[in-house]
Amino acid sequence: LHTHQEVAPGQLVAGTRIIPLLIEEEKLRRVEKRCTDGALIRVLPFRACRVGVVTTGSEVYHGRIKDAFGPVLRDKFSRLGSQVFTQRITNDDVAMTAAAIRDLLADGADLVAVTGGMSVDPDDRTPAAIRAAGGKQVVYGAPTFPGAMFLLAHIGDVPVIGLPGCVMYHRASIFDLIVPRILAGLEVTAQDVAALGHGGFCAACAECRYPACAFGKG
């Protein structure tokens, strides 16, 4: 299978065959050893993270619209073996959002997800708030669709992700390409995100078959 795919217990991940009708047993043992010593295939477990969510936006903060992002993230992280332990709602004020991020870190969050304010509008404050909270930006923007306005930063050892609205509406998005890597303990670099451009276009099939499709598989 392609690298960086989620797999389940009992799922076949690779296969080969012996071309001759007969083969020396010693050769077969060498192949078996090579396949089980981690040289060819590694299957990494997901960490069970305590996830803190910050939802930004004056409309949600003042109760004019109902938050729909929180339930989606709770479901997505739960499916990956992690738990959203708390959610903070802030308006578009940079200082308020930065304070909420710092509060989540103080409460022991292993990962912080910030939703809202990730489009190209000049008044979007989420990237500024993440920086104000101490975030060291890895990448802002991804060559994927959906998911172009994704942000990844770190505050100390804690990943902080800025999620665009498409994560709420699409079954497969930048979330599904990057967050499993983070939960598996892999370092995600700007080069890793750039490489998603080959295969990063979702075909928007009438019936979504992800991950049994080409999305995100360069």
N, C-alpha and C. Protein backbone atom coordinates (compact mmCIF):
# COMPACT_ATOMS: atom_id res chain seq x y z
N LEU A 1 0.83 -1.19 0.00
CA LEU A 1 0.00 0.00 0.00
C LEU A 1 0.87 1.24 0.00
N HIS A 2 0.28 2.39 -0.38
CA HIS A 2 1.00 3.65 -0.29
C HIS A 2 1.41 3.94 1.15
N THR A 3 2.50 4.68 1.29
CA THR A 3 2.94 5.13 2.60
C THR A 3 1.91 6.09 3.20
N HIS A 4 1.89 6.14 4.55
CA HIS A 4 1.04 7.06 5.31
C HIS A 4 -0.44 6.79 5.11
N GLN A 5 -0.80 5.53 5.07
CA GLN A 5 -2.21 5.16 5.04
C GLN A 5 -2.60 4.56 6.38
N GLU A 6 -3.85 4.82 6.79
CA GLU A 6 -4.38 4.16 7.97
C GLU A 6 -4.70 2.71 7.62
N VAL A 7 -4.35 1.82 8.52
CA VAL A 7 -4.67 0.41 8.33
C VAL A 7 -5.30 -0.12 9.61
N ALA A 8 -6.02 -1.22 9.47
CA ALA A 8 -6.74 -1.83 10.59
C ALA A 8 -6.16 -3.20 10.88
N PRO A 9 -6.34 -3.70 12.11
CA PRO A 9 -5.86 -5.04 12.43
C PRO A 9 -6.41 -6.07 11.45
N GLY A 10 -5.52 -6.92 10.98
CA GLY A 10 -5.92 -7.97 10.05
C GLY A 10 -5.93 -7.56 8.59
N GLN A 11 -5.71 -6.26 8.33
CA GLN A 11 -5.72 -5.79 6.95
C GLN A 11 -4.41 -6.15 6.26
N LEU A 12 -4.49 -6.60 5.01
CA LEU A 12 -3.30 -6.89 4.23
C LEU A 12 -2.68 -5.57 3.78
N VAL A 13 -1.37 -5.41 4.00
CA VAL A 13 -0.70 -4.17 3.64
C VAL A 13 0.34 -4.35 2.55
N ALA A 14 0.73 -5.59 2.27
CA ALA A 14 1.73 -5.84 1.24
C ALA A 14 1.65 -7.31 0.83
N GLY A 15 2.20 -7.60 -0.33
CA GLY A 15 2.23 -8.99 -0.78
C GLY A 15 3.25 -9.17 -1.89
N THR A 16 3.66 -10.39 -2.06
CA THR A 16 4.58 -10.73 -3.15
C THR A 16 4.33 -12.19 -3.52
N ARG A 17 5.08 -12.67 -4.48
CA ARG A 17 4.95 -14.09 -4.81
C ARG A 17 6.29 -14.62 -5.29
N ILE A 18 6.45 -15.90 -5.13
CA ILE A 18 7.64 -16.59 -5.61
C ILE A 18 7.41 -16.97 -7.07
N ILE A 19 8.28 -16.49 -7.95
CA ILE A 19 8.08 -16.75 -9.38
C ILE A 19 8.36 -18.21 -9.76
N PRO A 20 9.46 -18.80 -9.30
CA PRO A 20 9.65 -20.23 -9.65
C PRO A 20 8.65 -21.12 -8.92
N LEU A 21 8.53 -22.34 -9.39
CA LEU A 21 7.67 -23.29 -8.70
C LEU A 21 8.28 -23.73 -7.38
N LEU A 22 9.61 -23.71 -7.31
CA LEU A 22 10.33 -24.13 -6.11
C LEU A 22 11.34 -23.06 -5.73
N ILE A 23 11.64 -22.96 -4.41
CA ILE A 23 12.64 -22.01 -3.94
C ILE A 23 13.30 -22.61 -2.71
N GLU A 24 14.57 -22.31 -2.54
CA GLU A 24 15.27 -22.81 -1.35
C GLU A 24 14.66 -22.17 -0.10
N GLU A 25 14.49 -22.98 0.93
CA GLU A 25 13.87 -22.50 2.16
C GLU A 25 14.68 -21.35 2.77
N GLU A 26 16.00 -21.40 2.65
CA GLU A 26 16.84 -20.37 3.24
C GLU A 26 16.56 -19.01 2.61
N LYS A 27 16.33 -18.98 1.31
CA LYS A 27 15.98 -17.73 0.64
C LYS A 27 14.64 -17.19 1.15
N LEU A 28 13.70 -18.09 1.33
CA LEU A 28 12.39 -17.68 1.83
C LEU A 28 12.51 -17.10 3.23
N ARG A 29 13.34 -17.71 4.06
CA ARG A 29 13.54 -17.20 5.43
C ARG A 29 14.16 -15.81 5.40
N ARG A 30 15.08 -15.55 4.47
CA ARG A 30 15.69 -14.23 4.37
C ARG A 30 14.65 -13.18 4.00
N VAL A 31 13.76 -13.54 3.08
CA VAL A 31 12.69 -12.61 2.70
C VAL A 31 11.77 -12.34 3.89
N GLU A 32 11.41 -13.38 4.62
CA GLU A 32 10.54 -13.20 5.79
C GLU A 32 11.18 -12.28 6.82
N LYS A 33 12.48 -12.48 7.05
CA LYS A 33 13.17 -11.64 8.02
C LYS A 33 13.19 -10.19 7.57
N ARG A 34 13.45 -9.98 6.29
CA ARG A 34 13.51 -8.62 5.77
C ARG A 34 12.16 -7.92 5.92
N CYS A 35 11.10 -8.68 5.77
CA CYS A 35 9.76 -8.09 5.84
C CYS A 35 9.30 -7.82 7.27
N THR A 36 9.93 -8.44 8.24
CA THR A 36 9.47 -8.30 9.63
C THR A 36 10.43 -7.50 10.50
N ASP A 37 11.59 -7.10 9.95
CA ASP A 37 12.54 -6.38 10.80
C ASP A 37 12.40 -4.86 10.67
N GLY A 38 11.35 -4.39 10.00
CA GLY A 38 11.12 -2.96 9.87
C GLY A 38 11.84 -2.31 8.72
N ALA A 39 12.58 -3.07 7.94
CA ALA A 39 13.33 -2.47 6.84
C ALA A 39 12.43 -2.08 5.69
N LEU A 40 11.34 -2.81 5.49
CA LEU A 40 10.45 -2.53 4.37
C LEU A 40 9.15 -1.87 4.81
N ILE A 41 8.56 -2.35 5.88
CA ILE A 41 7.23 -1.89 6.30
C ILE A 41 7.24 -1.64 7.81
N ARG A 42 6.70 -0.49 8.19
CA ARG A 42 6.45 -0.22 9.61
C ARG A 42 4.99 0.17 9.78
N VAL A 43 4.37 -0.39 10.77
CA VAL A 43 3.01 0.00 11.14
C VAL A 43 3.08 0.65 12.50
N LEU A 44 2.77 1.94 12.56
CA LEU A 44 2.91 2.72 13.78
C LEU A 44 1.55 2.88 14.46
N PRO A 45 1.50 2.77 15.78
CA PRO A 45 0.23 2.99 16.48
C PRO A 45 -0.06 4.48 16.63
N PHE A 46 -1.33 4.83 16.68
CA PHE A 46 -1.72 6.20 16.99
C PHE A 46 -1.58 6.43 18.49
N ARG A 47 -1.08 7.60 18.85
CA ARG A 47 -1.07 8.01 20.24
C ARG A 47 -2.48 8.45 20.64
N ALA A 48 -2.86 8.15 21.86
CA ALA A 48 -4.13 8.62 22.39
C ALA A 48 -3.90 10.01 22.99
N CYS A 49 -4.22 11.04 22.24
CA CYS A 49 -3.92 12.41 22.64
C CYS A 49 -5.13 13.08 23.28
N ARG A 50 -4.84 14.00 24.20
CA ARG A 50 -5.86 14.90 24.74
C ARG A 50 -5.86 16.13 23.84
N VAL A 51 -6.93 16.32 23.13
CA VAL A 51 -7.02 17.37 22.13
C VAL A 51 -7.84 18.54 22.67
N GLY A 52 -7.29 19.73 22.58
CA GLY A 52 -8.04 20.93 22.91
C GLY A 52 -8.44 21.66 21.65
N VAL A 53 -9.67 22.13 21.59
CA VAL A 53 -10.19 22.82 20.40
C VAL A 53 -10.51 24.26 20.77
N VAL A 54 -10.08 25.18 19.91
CA VAL A 54 -10.46 26.59 20.03
C VAL A 54 -11.25 26.94 18.77
N THR A 55 -12.50 27.32 18.96
CA THR A 55 -13.35 27.73 17.85
C THR A 55 -13.46 29.25 17.87
N THR A 56 -13.05 29.87 16.78
CA THR A 56 -13.06 31.32 16.70
C THR A 56 -14.21 31.81 15.83
N GLY A 57 -14.60 33.04 16.06
CA GLY A 57 -15.64 33.64 15.23
C GLY A 57 -16.68 34.37 16.07
N SER A 58 -16.90 35.62 15.77
CA SER A 58 -17.83 36.42 16.56
C SER A 58 -19.25 35.88 16.49
N GLU A 59 -19.65 35.33 15.34
CA GLU A 59 -21.01 34.82 15.20
C GLU A 59 -21.28 33.67 16.16
N VAL A 60 -20.31 32.76 16.28
CA VAL A 60 -20.47 31.64 17.20
C VAL A 60 -20.35 32.14 18.64
N TYR A 61 -19.39 33.02 18.88
CA TYR A 61 -19.13 33.51 20.24
C TYR A 61 -20.37 34.20 20.82
N HIS A 62 -21.07 34.98 20.00
CA HIS A 62 -22.24 35.71 20.46
C HIS A 62 -23.54 34.93 20.29
N GLY A 63 -23.44 33.68 19.83
CA GLY A 63 -24.61 32.82 19.74
C GLY A 63 -25.51 33.07 18.56
N ARG A 64 -25.01 33.82 17.56
CA ARG A 64 -25.84 34.08 16.39
C ARG A 64 -25.93 32.87 15.47
N ILE A 65 -24.88 32.04 15.46
CA ILE A 65 -24.93 30.77 14.74
C ILE A 65 -24.43 29.67 15.67
N LYS A 66 -24.88 28.48 15.42
CA LYS A 66 -24.49 27.34 16.26
C LYS A 66 -23.17 26.76 15.78
N ASP A 67 -22.31 26.40 16.73
CA ASP A 67 -21.04 25.77 16.36
C ASP A 67 -21.31 24.39 15.78
N ALA A 68 -20.81 24.15 14.57
CA ALA A 68 -20.94 22.84 13.95
C ALA A 68 -19.60 22.14 13.82
N PHE A 69 -18.52 22.88 14.09
CA PHE A 69 -17.18 22.30 13.92
C PHE A 69 -16.83 21.35 15.07
N GLY A 70 -17.21 21.73 16.27
CA GLY A 70 -16.84 20.91 17.43
C GLY A 70 -17.27 19.47 17.33
N PRO A 71 -18.55 19.19 17.04
CA PRO A 71 -18.98 17.79 16.94
C PRO A 71 -18.24 17.01 15.86
N VAL A 72 -17.92 17.67 14.74
CA VAL A 72 -17.19 16.99 13.67
C VAL A 72 -15.80 16.59 14.16
N LEU A 73 -15.11 17.50 14.85
CA LEU A 73 -13.77 17.19 15.34
C LEU A 73 -13.80 16.12 16.42
N ARG A 74 -14.79 16.17 17.27
CA ARG A 74 -14.89 15.12 18.30
C ARG A 74 -15.00 13.75 17.64
N ASP A 75 -15.80 13.65 16.59
CA ASP A 75 -15.97 12.38 15.89
C ASP A 75 -14.69 11.97 15.18
N LYS A 76 -14.05 12.92 14.49
CA LYS A 76 -12.84 12.59 13.73
C LYS A 76 -11.71 12.14 14.67
N PHE A 77 -11.50 12.87 15.75
CA PHE A 77 -10.42 12.49 16.66
C PHE A 77 -10.75 11.19 17.40
N SER A 78 -12.00 10.98 17.74
CA SER A 78 -12.39 9.74 18.40
C SER A 78 -12.10 8.53 17.52
N ARG A 79 -12.38 8.68 16.23
CA ARG A 79 -12.12 7.58 15.30
C ARG A 79 -10.64 7.23 15.24
N LEU A 80 -9.78 8.22 15.51
CA LEU A 80 -8.34 8.00 15.49
C LEU A 80 -7.78 7.64 16.86
N GLY A 81 -8.65 7.46 17.85
CA GLY A 81 -8.21 7.02 19.17
C GLY A 81 -7.85 8.13 20.12
N SER A 82 -8.16 9.38 19.78
CA SER A 82 -7.89 10.51 20.66
C SER A 82 -9.20 11.12 21.12
N GLN A 83 -9.10 12.03 22.10
CA GLN A 83 -10.31 12.60 22.69
C GLN A 83 -10.20 14.12 22.78
N VAL A 84 -11.25 14.80 22.32
CA VAL A 84 -11.36 16.25 22.54
C VAL A 84 -11.84 16.43 23.97
N PHE A 85 -10.96 16.92 24.84
CA PHE A 85 -11.32 17.00 26.26
C PHE A 85 -11.96 18.33 26.62
N THR A 86 -11.78 19.34 25.78
CA THR A 86 -12.44 20.62 26.03
C THR A 86 -12.43 21.45 24.77
N GLN A 87 -13.36 22.40 24.70
CA GLN A 87 -13.47 23.30 23.57
C GLN A 87 -13.71 24.71 24.10
N ARG A 88 -12.93 25.66 23.60
CA ARG A 88 -13.11 27.06 23.95
C ARG A 88 -13.62 27.81 22.73
N ILE A 89 -14.54 28.74 22.95
CA ILE A 89 -15.07 29.57 21.87
C ILE A 89 -14.65 31.01 22.11
N THR A 90 -14.04 31.62 21.12
CA THR A 90 -13.58 32.99 21.24
C THR A 90 -14.13 33.82 20.08
N ASN A 91 -14.08 35.14 20.26
CA ASN A 91 -14.43 35.98 19.12
C ASN A 91 -13.18 36.14 18.24
N ASP A 92 -13.17 37.13 17.39
CA ASP A 92 -12.06 37.26 16.45
C ASP A 92 -10.87 38.04 17.04
N ASP A 93 -10.90 38.27 18.34
CA ASP A 93 -9.81 39.02 18.98
C ASP A 93 -8.57 38.13 19.10
N VAL A 94 -7.45 38.63 18.62
CA VAL A 94 -6.21 37.86 18.64
C VAL A 94 -5.78 37.50 20.05
N ALA A 95 -5.85 38.47 20.95
CA ALA A 95 -5.40 38.23 22.33
C ALA A 95 -6.27 37.18 23.01
N MET A 96 -7.59 37.22 22.78
CA MET A 96 -8.49 36.24 23.41
C MET A 96 -8.20 34.83 22.90
N THR A 97 -8.01 34.71 21.60
CA THR A 97 -7.74 33.38 21.02
C THR A 97 -6.38 32.86 21.48
N ALA A 98 -5.38 33.74 21.51
CA ALA A 98 -4.06 33.32 22.00
C ALA A 98 -4.13 32.87 23.45
N ALA A 99 -4.91 33.58 24.27
CA ALA A 99 -5.05 33.20 25.68
C ALA A 99 -5.74 31.84 25.80
N ALA A 100 -6.73 31.58 24.94
CA ALA A 100 -7.41 30.28 24.99
C ALA A 100 -6.45 29.15 24.62
N ILE A 101 -5.59 29.39 23.64
CA ILE A 101 -4.60 28.37 23.27
C ILE A 101 -3.66 28.10 24.44
N ARG A 102 -3.19 29.15 25.07
CA ARG A 102 -2.27 28.97 26.21
C ARG A 102 -2.97 28.25 27.37
N ASP A 103 -4.26 28.56 27.58
CA ASP A 103 -5.00 27.87 28.64
C ASP A 103 -5.09 26.37 28.37
N LEU A 104 -5.31 25.99 27.11
CA LEU A 104 -5.39 24.57 26.78
C LEU A 104 -4.06 23.88 27.02
N LEU A 105 -2.98 24.56 26.69
CA LEU A 105 -1.66 23.98 26.95
C LEU A 105 -1.45 23.80 28.44
N ALA A 106 -1.87 24.78 29.22
CA ALA A 106 -1.72 24.67 30.67
C ALA A 106 -2.57 23.54 31.23
N ASP A 107 -3.68 23.24 30.55
CA ASP A 107 -4.56 22.15 30.99
C ASP A 107 -4.07 20.78 30.51
N GLY A 108 -2.93 20.74 29.81
CA GLY A 108 -2.34 19.47 29.42
C GLY A 108 -2.71 18.96 28.05
N ALA A 109 -3.08 19.84 27.14
CA ALA A 109 -3.41 19.40 25.79
C ALA A 109 -2.17 18.85 25.09
N ASP A 110 -2.33 17.72 24.43
CA ASP A 110 -1.25 17.13 23.63
C ASP A 110 -1.26 17.66 22.21
N LEU A 111 -2.41 18.21 21.80
CA LEU A 111 -2.57 18.76 20.46
C LEU A 111 -3.67 19.81 20.56
N VAL A 112 -3.49 20.92 19.86
CA VAL A 112 -4.49 21.99 19.85
C VAL A 112 -4.96 22.20 18.41
N ALA A 113 -6.27 22.20 18.22
CA ALA A 113 -6.86 22.47 16.91
C ALA A 113 -7.65 23.76 16.99
N VAL A 114 -7.33 24.68 16.09
CA VAL A 114 -8.01 25.97 16.05
C VAL A 114 -8.85 26.02 14.78
N THR A 115 -10.12 26.31 14.92
CA THR A 115 -11.03 26.33 13.78
C THR A 115 -11.55 27.74 13.55
N GLY A 116 -11.85 28.03 12.29
CA GLY A 116 -12.36 29.35 11.94
C GLY A 116 -11.24 30.31 11.64
N GLY A 117 -11.52 31.31 10.81
CA GLY A 117 -10.52 32.34 10.53
C GLY A 117 -9.33 31.85 9.75
N MET A 118 -9.53 30.90 8.82
CA MET A 118 -8.40 30.37 8.07
C MET A 118 -8.56 30.60 6.57
N SER A 119 -9.40 31.58 6.19
CA SER A 119 -9.54 31.88 4.77
C SER A 119 -8.61 33.02 4.40
N VAL A 120 -8.82 33.60 3.24
CA VAL A 120 -7.90 34.65 2.77
C VAL A 120 -8.39 36.04 3.14
N ASP A 121 -9.47 36.15 3.91
CA ASP A 121 -9.97 37.46 4.28
C ASP A 121 -8.96 38.21 5.13
N PRO A 122 -8.81 39.51 4.92
CA PRO A 122 -7.80 40.25 5.65
C PRO A 122 -8.06 40.34 7.15
N ASP A 123 -9.32 40.09 7.58
CA ASP A 123 -9.60 40.19 9.01
C ASP A 123 -9.51 38.85 9.71
N ASP A 124 -9.06 37.82 9.04
CA ASP A 124 -8.89 36.52 9.69
C ASP A 124 -7.71 36.60 10.65
N ARG A 125 -7.94 36.23 11.88
CA ARG A 125 -6.96 36.47 12.93
C ARG A 125 -6.32 35.19 13.48
N THR A 126 -6.79 34.03 13.03
CA THR A 126 -6.30 32.78 13.64
C THR A 126 -4.79 32.60 13.50
N PRO A 127 -4.19 32.76 12.32
CA PRO A 127 -2.73 32.60 12.24
C PRO A 127 -1.98 33.56 13.17
N ALA A 128 -2.47 34.81 13.26
CA ALA A 128 -1.83 35.77 14.16
C ALA A 128 -1.96 35.34 15.61
N ALA A 129 -3.12 34.77 15.97
CA ALA A 129 -3.33 34.33 17.34
C ALA A 129 -2.42 33.16 17.70
N ILE A 130 -2.23 32.24 16.75
CA ILE A 130 -1.35 31.10 17.01
C ILE A 130 0.08 31.59 17.21
N ARG A 131 0.50 32.54 16.40
CA ARG A 131 1.84 33.11 16.58
C ARG A 131 1.95 33.85 17.91
N ALA A 132 0.90 34.58 18.28
CA ALA A 132 0.92 35.32 19.53
C ALA A 132 0.97 34.40 20.74
N ALA A 133 0.45 33.18 20.58
CA ALA A 133 0.49 32.21 21.68
C ALA A 133 1.84 31.53 21.79
N GLY A 134 2.75 31.85 20.86
CA GLY A 134 4.09 31.25 20.89
C GLY A 134 4.32 30.22 19.82
N GLY A 135 3.40 30.11 18.88
CA GLY A 135 3.52 29.09 17.84
C GLY A 135 4.65 29.36 16.87
N LYS A 136 5.45 28.35 16.61
CA LYS A 136 6.50 28.40 15.59
C LYS A 136 5.95 27.73 14.34
N GLN A 137 5.68 28.52 13.32
CA GLN A 137 4.97 28.04 12.14
C GLN A 137 5.83 27.11 11.30
N VAL A 138 5.25 25.95 10.96
CA VAL A 138 5.88 25.01 10.05
C VAL A 138 5.44 25.30 8.62
N VAL A 139 4.15 25.49 8.46
CA VAL A 139 3.60 25.76 7.12
C VAL A 139 2.25 26.44 7.27
N TYR A 140 1.97 27.36 6.38
CA TYR A 140 0.64 27.98 6.29
C TYR A 140 0.24 27.94 4.82
N GLY A 141 -0.71 27.07 4.52
CA GLY A 141 -1.11 26.81 3.15
C GLY A 141 -0.65 25.44 2.73
N ALA A 142 -1.53 24.72 2.04
CA ALA A 142 -1.20 23.37 1.57
C ALA A 142 -1.69 23.20 0.14
N PRO A 143 -0.92 22.50 -0.72
CA PRO A 143 -1.33 22.30 -2.11
C PRO A 143 -2.35 21.18 -2.25
N THR A 144 -3.43 21.30 -1.48
CA THR A 144 -4.48 20.28 -1.49
C THR A 144 -5.83 20.95 -1.66
N PHE A 145 -6.74 20.20 -2.21
CA PHE A 145 -8.12 20.67 -2.32
C PHE A 145 -9.04 19.50 -2.07
N PRO A 146 -9.81 19.54 -0.96
CA PRO A 146 -9.97 20.65 -0.01
C PRO A 146 -8.87 20.68 1.05
N GLY A 147 -8.58 21.90 1.52
CA GLY A 147 -7.64 22.05 2.62
C GLY A 147 -6.54 23.04 2.38
N ALA A 148 -6.70 23.94 1.40
CA ALA A 148 -5.59 24.82 1.02
C ALA A 148 -5.15 25.77 2.14
N MET A 149 -6.06 26.16 3.03
CA MET A 149 -5.72 27.15 4.05
C MET A 149 -5.35 26.50 5.38
N PHE A 150 -4.68 25.37 5.33
CA PHE A 150 -4.24 24.65 6.53
C PHE A 150 -3.00 25.30 7.12
N LEU A 151 -2.91 25.28 8.44
CA LEU A 151 -1.73 25.80 9.14
C LEU A 151 -1.24 24.76 10.14
N LEU A 152 0.07 24.60 10.21
CA LEU A 152 0.70 23.74 11.21
C LEU A 152 1.79 24.52 11.92
N ALA A 153 1.75 24.50 13.24
CA ALA A 153 2.77 25.15 14.05
C ALA A 153 3.05 24.27 15.26
N HIS A 154 4.05 24.65 16.03
CA HIS A 154 4.35 23.97 17.29
C HIS A 154 4.56 25.01 18.37
N ILE A 155 4.05 24.71 19.55
CA ILE A 155 4.38 25.48 20.75
C ILE A 155 5.08 24.50 21.69
N GLY A 156 6.38 24.62 21.78
CA GLY A 156 7.16 23.59 22.44
C GLY A 156 7.04 22.30 21.65
N ASP A 157 6.62 21.23 22.33
CA ASP A 157 6.45 19.94 21.66
C ASP A 157 5.02 19.69 21.22
N VAL A 158 4.15 20.66 21.41
CA VAL A 158 2.72 20.44 21.13
C VAL A 158 2.37 20.96 19.74
N PRO A 159 1.83 20.10 18.87
CA PRO A 159 1.38 20.57 17.56
C PRO A 159 0.13 21.45 17.70
N VAL A 160 0.09 22.50 16.93
CA VAL A 160 -1.09 23.36 16.85
C VAL A 160 -1.50 23.43 15.38
N ILE A 161 -2.72 23.05 15.09
CA ILE A 161 -3.18 23.04 13.70
C ILE A 161 -4.31 24.05 13.53
N GLY A 162 -4.24 24.81 12.44
CA GLY A 162 -5.32 25.70 12.05
C GLY A 162 -6.10 25.05 10.95
N LEU A 163 -7.38 24.80 11.18
CA LEU A 163 -8.19 24.00 10.26
C LEU A 163 -9.16 24.88 9.49
N PRO A 164 -9.14 24.81 8.16
CA PRO A 164 -10.11 25.55 7.35
C PRO A 164 -11.48 24.89 7.42
N GLY A 165 -12.50 25.65 6.98
CA GLY A 165 -13.87 25.17 7.09
C GLY A 165 -14.17 23.91 6.32
N CYS A 166 -13.39 23.59 5.30
CA CYS A 166 -13.65 22.40 4.50
C CYS A 166 -13.60 21.12 5.32
N VAL A 167 -12.83 21.13 6.42
CA VAL A 167 -12.72 19.94 7.27
C VAL A 167 -14.09 19.57 7.83
N MET A 168 -14.93 20.59 8.02
CA MET A 168 -16.25 20.37 8.59
C MET A 168 -17.20 19.73 7.57
N TYR A 169 -16.99 20.02 6.29
CA TYR A 169 -17.96 19.62 5.28
C TYR A 169 -17.55 18.41 4.45
N HIS A 170 -16.26 18.16 4.31
CA HIS A 170 -15.79 17.11 3.42
C HIS A 170 -15.34 15.89 4.22
N ARG A 171 -15.71 14.73 3.74
CA ARG A 171 -15.30 13.50 4.41
C ARG A 171 -13.78 13.36 4.38
N ALA A 172 -13.17 13.70 3.25
CA ALA A 172 -11.72 13.61 3.10
C ALA A 172 -11.17 15.00 2.83
N SER A 173 -10.19 15.41 3.62
CA SER A 173 -9.60 16.74 3.47
C SER A 173 -8.17 16.69 4.00
N ILE A 174 -7.56 17.85 4.11
CA ILE A 174 -6.20 17.95 4.64
C ILE A 174 -6.09 17.33 6.03
N PHE A 175 -7.16 17.38 6.82
CA PHE A 175 -7.16 16.76 8.14
C PHE A 175 -6.78 15.29 8.05
N ASP A 176 -7.38 14.59 7.10
CA ASP A 176 -7.18 13.14 7.00
C ASP A 176 -5.82 12.77 6.44
N LEU A 177 -5.14 13.73 5.82
CA LEU A 177 -3.81 13.47 5.28
C LEU A 177 -2.71 13.77 6.30
N ILE A 178 -2.94 14.75 7.18
CA ILE A 178 -1.87 15.21 8.06
C ILE A 178 -2.05 14.75 9.51
N VAL A 179 -3.26 14.84 10.05
CA VAL A 179 -3.45 14.55 11.47
C VAL A 179 -3.07 13.11 11.82
N PRO A 180 -3.39 12.09 11.00
CA PRO A 180 -2.93 10.75 11.36
C PRO A 180 -1.41 10.64 11.47
N ARG A 181 -0.68 11.38 10.64
CA ARG A 181 0.78 11.36 10.75
C ARG A 181 1.23 11.93 12.10
N ILE A 182 0.59 13.03 12.51
CA ILE A 182 0.94 13.63 13.80
C ILE A 182 0.66 12.67 14.94
N LEU A 183 -0.51 12.03 14.90
CA LEU A 183 -0.88 11.11 15.97
C LEU A 183 -0.01 9.86 15.98
N ALA A 184 0.59 9.54 14.84
CA ALA A 184 1.51 8.40 14.78
C ALA A 184 2.92 8.77 15.26
N GLY A 185 3.10 10.03 15.65
CA GLY A 185 4.39 10.46 16.17
C GLY A 185 5.39 10.85 15.10
N LEU A 186 4.93 11.04 13.86
CA LEU A 186 5.84 11.43 12.79
C LEU A 186 5.99 12.94 12.74
N GLU A 187 7.18 13.40 12.44
CA GLU A 187 7.40 14.82 12.23
C GLU A 187 6.87 15.19 10.84
N VAL A 188 6.04 16.21 10.78
CA VAL A 188 5.51 16.70 9.51
C VAL A 188 6.24 17.99 9.16
N THR A 189 6.91 18.00 8.03
CA THR A 189 7.70 19.15 7.62
C THR A 189 6.99 19.91 6.49
N ALA A 190 7.50 21.09 6.19
CA ALA A 190 6.97 21.86 5.06
C ALA A 190 7.14 21.08 3.76
N GLN A 191 8.23 20.33 3.65
CA GLN A 191 8.45 19.52 2.45
C GLN A 191 7.41 18.41 2.33
N ASP A 192 7.02 17.83 3.47
CA ASP A 192 5.98 16.79 3.45
C ASP A 192 4.67 17.36 2.94
N VAL A 193 4.32 18.55 3.40
CA VAL A 193 3.07 19.17 2.97
C VAL A 193 3.15 19.55 1.49
N ALA A 194 4.29 20.07 1.06
CA ALA A 194 4.45 20.44 -0.35
C ALA A 194 4.28 19.22 -1.26
N ALA A 195 4.75 18.07 -0.79
CA ALA A 195 4.68 16.85 -1.61
C ALA A 195 3.24 16.40 -1.83
N LEU A 196 2.31 16.89 -1.02
CA LEU A 196 0.91 16.49 -1.19
C LEU A 196 0.30 17.04 -2.47
N GLY A 197 0.97 18.01 -3.09
CA GLY A 197 0.45 18.59 -4.32
C GLY A 197 0.25 17.56 -5.42
N HIS A 198 1.04 16.49 -5.41
CA HIS A 198 0.86 15.40 -6.38
C HIS A 198 -0.08 14.39 -5.76
N GLY A 199 -1.33 14.45 -6.17
CA GLY A 199 -2.35 13.58 -5.58
C GLY A 199 -3.25 14.29 -4.59
N GLY A 200 -3.02 15.59 -4.37
CA GLY A 200 -3.78 16.32 -3.37
C GLY A 200 -5.07 16.92 -3.85
N PHE A 201 -5.53 16.54 -5.04
CA PHE A 201 -6.79 17.06 -5.56
C PHE A 201 -7.88 16.02 -5.40
N CYS A 202 -8.89 16.36 -4.59
CA CYS A 202 -10.02 15.46 -4.40
C CYS A 202 -10.93 15.56 -5.62
N ALA A 203 -11.32 14.44 -6.19
CA ALA A 203 -12.15 14.42 -7.39
C ALA A 203 -13.62 14.66 -7.10
N ALA A 204 -13.98 14.78 -5.81
CA ALA A 204 -15.37 15.05 -5.41
C ALA A 204 -16.32 14.03 -6.02
N CYS A 205 -16.01 12.77 -5.86
CA CYS A 205 -16.86 11.71 -6.40
C CYS A 205 -18.26 11.78 -5.78
N ALA A 206 -19.25 11.36 -6.52
CA ALA A 206 -20.63 11.39 -6.03
C ALA A 206 -20.76 10.57 -4.75
N GLU A 207 -20.03 9.47 -4.67
CA GLU A 207 -19.98 8.66 -3.45
C GLU A 207 -18.53 8.58 -3.01
N CYS A 208 -18.22 9.21 -1.89
CA CYS A 208 -16.83 9.26 -1.42
C CYS A 208 -16.36 7.86 -1.03
N ARG A 209 -15.21 7.46 -1.57
CA ARG A 209 -14.65 6.14 -1.29
C ARG A 209 -13.34 6.24 -0.49
N TYR A 210 -12.98 7.46 -0.05
CA TYR A 210 -11.73 7.62 0.67
C TYR A 210 -11.70 6.68 1.87
N PRO A 211 -10.58 5.99 2.14
CA PRO A 211 -9.25 6.13 1.54
C PRO A 211 -8.99 5.23 0.33
N ALA A 212 -10.03 4.59 -0.19
CA ALA A 212 -9.84 3.73 -1.37
C ALA A 212 -9.90 4.56 -2.65
N CYS A 213 -9.01 5.55 -2.73
CA CYS A 213 -8.94 6.43 -3.90
C CYS A 213 -7.56 7.03 -3.95
N ALA A 214 -7.34 7.91 -4.91
CA ALA A 214 -5.99 8.47 -5.11
C ALA A 214 -5.72 9.72 -4.28
N PHE A 215 -6.72 10.24 -3.54
CA PHE A 215 -6.53 11.49 -2.83
C PHE A 215 -5.38 11.40 -1.81
N GLY A 216 -4.41 12.28 -1.98
CA GLY A 216 -3.29 12.35 -1.05
C GLY A 216 -2.22 11.31 -1.25
N LYS A 217 -2.31 10.54 -2.32
CA LYS A 217 -1.34 9.47 -2.55
C LYS A 217 -0.50 9.83 -3.77
N GLY A 218 0.60 10.54 -3.52
CA GLY A 218 1.44 11.00 -4.61
C GLY A 218 2.22 9.88 -5.26
